[in-house]
Amino acid sequence: MNDQSGQHIFFVDDEPSVCRAAAKTLGQLGSKVSCFTRALVCLDHLRSGTCDLLITDLKMPEMDGIELLIEAKRICPWLPVLVVTGYGDIPTAVKALKAGAADFIEKPLERESFVSAVESLLSQLAGSDPLVGKSLTKTEMKILRLILDGRSNKEIAQFLHRAPRTIEDHRHNIMRKLGAHNSIDLVKQAVAMGLVELPPRRYLRLL
């Protein structure tokens, strides 16, 4: 079993009994587990906290798993999402994969296959940049919007009354958190998060 300590898992299912069972199983991996019976509450926590893996049921009354997946990706574009689907609902699961799900697993959850799928996704994270997928601070969000407005580091430093080196450090952290290797990657992730909308022609040129 891999050491998953320090990693935070969000589990979403509208059935409290399923949440309790999942929390017990996932807790044995050494990870911190937060369970939610409402997708909207999960999204609120994604905006303000840290999540390394999101596991969501597909069929839920308020917001289904695919809708939650899409909104979660807007908040944390690089967040891996494991979708739990009912037996025989493979076409919908494939739709979830096309929407950005990392994997899916069928109900009823069989402990061995469930743990294996979760450990596989968490182990992939273990070797990645620890900042990837982390939430941007308020200052970083402000700097990101200024970057998207075309401001240089020097201009942003003057506007925010900060040292240019401080802005460079913030910019570096923003790039790492969004998994961006260059300015085009940064724009792509900002668009995915809904932070900026580009005219179709300009967007096509950038992509």
Protein backbone atom coordinates (compact mmCIF):
# COMPACT_ATOMS: atom_id res chain seq x y z
CA MET A 1 0.00 0.00 0.00
CA ASN A 2 1.35 3.45 -0.90
CA ASP A 3 1.75 6.12 1.76
CA GLN A 4 -1.03 8.59 1.04
CA SER A 5 -0.64 10.58 4.27
CA GLY A 6 -1.14 14.30 3.93
CA GLN A 7 -3.36 13.99 0.87
CA HIS A 8 -6.94 15.24 1.09
CA ILE A 9 -9.82 13.37 -0.56
CA PHE A 10 -13.29 14.83 -1.15
CA PHE A 11 -16.05 12.21 -1.44
CA VAL A 12 -19.52 13.19 -2.69
CA ASP A 13 -22.64 11.02 -2.52
CA ASP A 14 -26.20 11.97 -1.58
CA GLU A 15 -26.54 8.80 0.54
CA PRO A 16 -25.12 9.39 4.06
CA SER A 17 -24.57 5.65 4.59
CA VAL A 18 -22.38 5.46 1.47
CA CYS A 19 -20.40 8.48 2.68
CA ARG A 20 -19.78 6.85 6.06
CA ALA A 21 -18.61 3.60 4.49
CA ALA A 22 -16.33 5.42 2.03
CA ALA A 23 -14.86 7.62 4.76
CA LYS A 24 -13.97 4.54 6.82
CA THR A 25 -12.33 2.79 3.85
CA LEU A 26 -10.45 5.85 2.58
CA GLY A 27 -9.36 6.81 6.08
CA GLN A 28 -7.45 3.52 6.31
CA LEU A 29 -5.19 4.77 3.50
CA GLY A 30 -3.86 7.49 5.77
CA SER A 31 -5.48 10.29 3.79
CA LYS A 32 -7.68 13.03 5.19
CA VAL A 33 -11.26 12.50 3.98
CA SER A 34 -14.08 15.04 3.72
CA CYS A 35 -17.53 13.72 2.77
CA PHE A 36 -20.38 15.73 1.30
CA THR A 37 -23.99 14.78 0.59
CA ARG A 38 -24.49 17.93 -1.52
CA ALA A 39 -22.41 18.85 -4.55
CA LEU A 40 -22.79 22.60 -3.99
CA VAL A 41 -21.31 22.32 -0.49
CA CYS A 42 -18.38 20.41 -1.96
CA LEU A 43 -17.79 23.20 -4.49
CA ASP A 44 -17.78 25.80 -1.69
CA HIS A 45 -15.04 23.82 0.09
CA LEU A 46 -13.07 23.45 -3.15
CA ARG A 47 -12.97 27.23 -3.47
CA SER A 48 -11.63 27.74 0.03
CA GLY A 49 -9.65 24.58 0.81
CA THR A 50 -7.20 22.05 -0.55
CA CYS A 51 -8.26 18.86 -2.31
CA ASP A 52 -5.95 16.29 -3.93
CA LEU A 53 -8.63 13.92 -5.27
CA LEU A 54 -12.37 14.33 -5.81
CA ILE A 55 -14.58 11.22 -5.85
CA THR A 56 -18.19 11.79 -6.86
CA ASP A 57 -21.28 9.71 -7.44
CA LEU A 58 -22.82 10.18 -10.88
CA LYS A 59 -26.52 10.22 -10.03
CA MET A 60 -27.43 12.95 -7.53
CA PRO A 61 -30.62 15.05 -7.33
CA GLU A 62 -29.31 18.60 -6.88
CA MET A 63 -26.34 18.46 -9.25
CA ASP A 64 -25.16 15.29 -10.97
CA GLY A 65 -21.59 14.07 -11.01
CA ILE A 66 -20.79 15.38 -14.48
CA GLU A 67 -22.02 18.86 -13.59
CA LEU A 68 -19.94 18.73 -10.41
CA LEU A 69 -16.94 17.52 -12.42
CA ILE A 70 -17.20 20.43 -14.87
CA GLU A 71 -17.54 23.03 -12.10
CA ALA A 72 -14.73 21.47 -10.06
CA LYS A 73 -12.44 21.66 -13.09
CA ARG A 74 -13.21 25.36 -13.40
CA ILE A 75 -12.03 25.88 -9.83
CA CYS A 76 -9.09 23.42 -9.91
CA PRO A 77 -8.29 22.50 -13.54
CA TRP A 78 -5.69 19.89 -12.60
CA LEU A 79 -7.76 18.17 -9.89
CA PRO A 80 -8.16 14.42 -10.63
CA VAL A 81 -11.79 13.28 -10.42
CA LEU A 82 -12.91 9.67 -9.91
CA VAL A 83 -16.55 9.11 -10.93
CA VAL A 84 -18.68 6.41 -9.28
CA THR A 85 -21.39 5.07 -11.59
CA GLY A 86 -24.17 2.53 -11.28
CA TYR A 87 -23.89 -0.82 -13.01
CA GLY A 88 -24.80 -0.63 -16.70
CA ASP A 89 -24.39 3.14 -16.91
CA ILE A 90 -21.20 2.91 -18.96
CA PRO A 91 -22.28 5.40 -21.70
CA THR A 92 -22.68 8.11 -19.05
CA ALA A 93 -19.36 7.15 -17.49
CA VAL A 94 -17.69 7.57 -20.89
CA LYS A 95 -19.30 11.00 -21.09
CA ALA A 96 -17.72 11.78 -17.72
CA LEU A 97 -14.30 10.74 -19.03
CA LYS A 98 -14.74 13.05 -22.01
CA ALA A 99 -15.58 15.85 -19.55
CA GLY A 100 -12.25 15.32 -17.80
CA ALA A 101 -12.72 12.52 -15.28
CA ALA A 102 -9.50 10.66 -14.48
CA ASP A 103 -11.28 7.30 -14.11
CA PHE A 104 -14.58 5.73 -13.15
CA ILE A 105 -15.61 2.78 -11.03
CA GLU A 106 -18.91 0.91 -10.83
CA LYS A 107 -21.32 0.55 -7.92
CA PRO A 108 -21.68 -1.28 -5.67
CA LEU A 109 -18.21 -0.30 -4.52
CA GLU A 110 -16.06 -3.38 -4.03
CA ARG A 111 -13.39 -2.49 -1.48
CA GLU A 112 -10.36 -3.93 -3.27
CA SER A 113 -11.06 -2.35 -6.67
CA PHE A 114 -12.14 0.95 -5.05
CA VAL A 115 -8.96 1.21 -2.97
CA SER A 116 -6.84 0.20 -5.96
CA ALA A 117 -8.34 2.96 -8.14
CA VAL A 118 -7.87 5.58 -5.41
CA GLU A 119 -4.28 4.52 -4.64
CA SER A 120 -3.42 4.60 -8.34
CA LEU A 121 -4.60 8.20 -8.72
CA LEU A 122 -2.96 9.36 -5.48
CA SER A 123 0.34 7.69 -6.35
CA GLN A 124 0.40 9.63 -9.62
CA LEU A 125 0.09 12.83 -7.59
CA ALA A 126 2.95 11.84 -5.29
CA GLY A 127 5.54 12.44 -7.99
CA SER A 128 4.08 15.70 -9.26
CA ASP A 129 4.73 19.28 -8.20
CA PRO A 130 3.13 19.63 -4.75
CA LEU A 131 1.73 23.04 -5.71
CA VAL A 132 -0.17 21.77 -8.77
CA GLY A 133 -3.90 22.03 -8.18
CA LYS A 134 -3.60 24.13 -5.02
CA SER A 135 -5.97 27.07 -4.69
CA LEU A 136 -4.72 30.53 -5.63
CA THR A 137 -4.57 33.10 -2.83
CA LYS A 138 -6.48 36.38 -3.14
CA THR A 139 -3.24 38.16 -4.01
CA GLU A 140 -2.37 35.56 -6.65
CA MET A 141 -5.85 35.87 -8.17
CA LYS A 142 -5.41 39.64 -8.39
CA ILE A 143 -1.98 39.25 -10.00
CA LEU A 144 -3.29 36.62 -12.43
CA ARG A 145 -6.02 38.97 -13.65
CA LEU A 146 -3.42 41.71 -14.16
CA ILE A 147 -1.22 39.26 -16.08
CA LEU A 148 -4.20 38.39 -18.28
CA ASP A 149 -4.71 42.11 -18.87
CA GLY A 150 -1.24 42.15 -20.42
CA ARG A 151 0.56 43.90 -17.56
CA SER A 152 4.28 43.24 -17.14
CA ASN A 153 5.78 42.27 -13.78
CA LYS A 154 7.12 45.81 -13.39
CA GLU A 155 3.72 47.35 -14.11
CA ILE A 156 1.99 44.98 -11.68
CA ALA A 157 4.59 45.80 -9.00
CA GLN A 158 3.95 49.52 -9.42
CA PHE A 159 0.16 49.04 -9.43
CA LEU A 160 0.18 46.90 -6.25
CA HIS A 161 3.03 48.81 -4.58
CA ARG A 162 5.16 45.67 -4.31
CA ALA A 163 8.75 44.87 -5.24
CA PRO A 164 9.19 43.41 -8.76
CA ARG A 165 10.88 40.34 -7.23
CA THR A 166 7.79 39.73 -5.09
CA ILE A 167 5.60 39.78 -8.20
CA GLU A 168 8.00 37.39 -9.93
CA ASP A 169 7.70 34.97 -7.00
CA HIS A 170 3.90 35.18 -7.06
CA ARG A 171 3.88 34.65 -10.81
CA HIS A 172 6.08 31.57 -10.43
CA ASN A 173 3.71 30.10 -7.83
CA ILE A 174 0.68 30.85 -10.03
CA MET A 175 2.29 29.02 -12.95
CA ARG A 176 3.08 26.02 -10.72
CA LYS A 177 -0.38 25.87 -9.17
CA LEU A 178 -2.05 25.93 -12.59
CA GLY A 179 0.42 23.50 -14.11
CA ALA A 180 1.37 26.10 -16.72
CA HIS A 181 4.74 25.92 -18.46
CA ASN A 182 4.35 29.14 -20.45
CA SER A 183 2.01 32.09 -21.00
CA ILE A 184 -0.22 30.17 -23.43
CA ASP A 185 -0.72 27.38 -20.85
CA LEU A 186 -1.57 30.06 -18.31
CA VAL A 187 -4.25 31.54 -20.58
CA LYS A 188 -5.70 28.08 -21.26
CA GLN A 189 -6.06 27.35 -17.55
CA ALA A 190 -7.53 30.79 -16.87
CA VAL A 191 -10.14 30.14 -19.57
CA ALA A 192 -10.87 26.68 -18.08
CA MET A 193 -11.40 28.32 -14.69
CA GLY A 194 -13.78 30.86 -16.20
CA LEU A 195 -11.50 33.77 -15.22
CA VAL A 196 -11.34 35.16 -18.73
CA GLU A 197 -13.29 34.84 -21.96
CA LEU A 198 -11.45 35.28 -25.23
CA PRO A 199 -12.94 36.21 -28.60
CA PRO A 200 -13.13 33.06 -30.80
CA ARG A 201 -10.45 34.10 -33.31
CA ARG A 202 -7.93 35.18 -30.70
CA TYR A 203 -8.59 32.06 -28.66
CA LEU A 204 -8.01 29.81 -31.67
CA ARG A 205 -4.70 31.52 -32.43
CA LEU A 206 -3.53 31.03 -28.85
CA LEU A 207 -4.49 27.36 -28.84
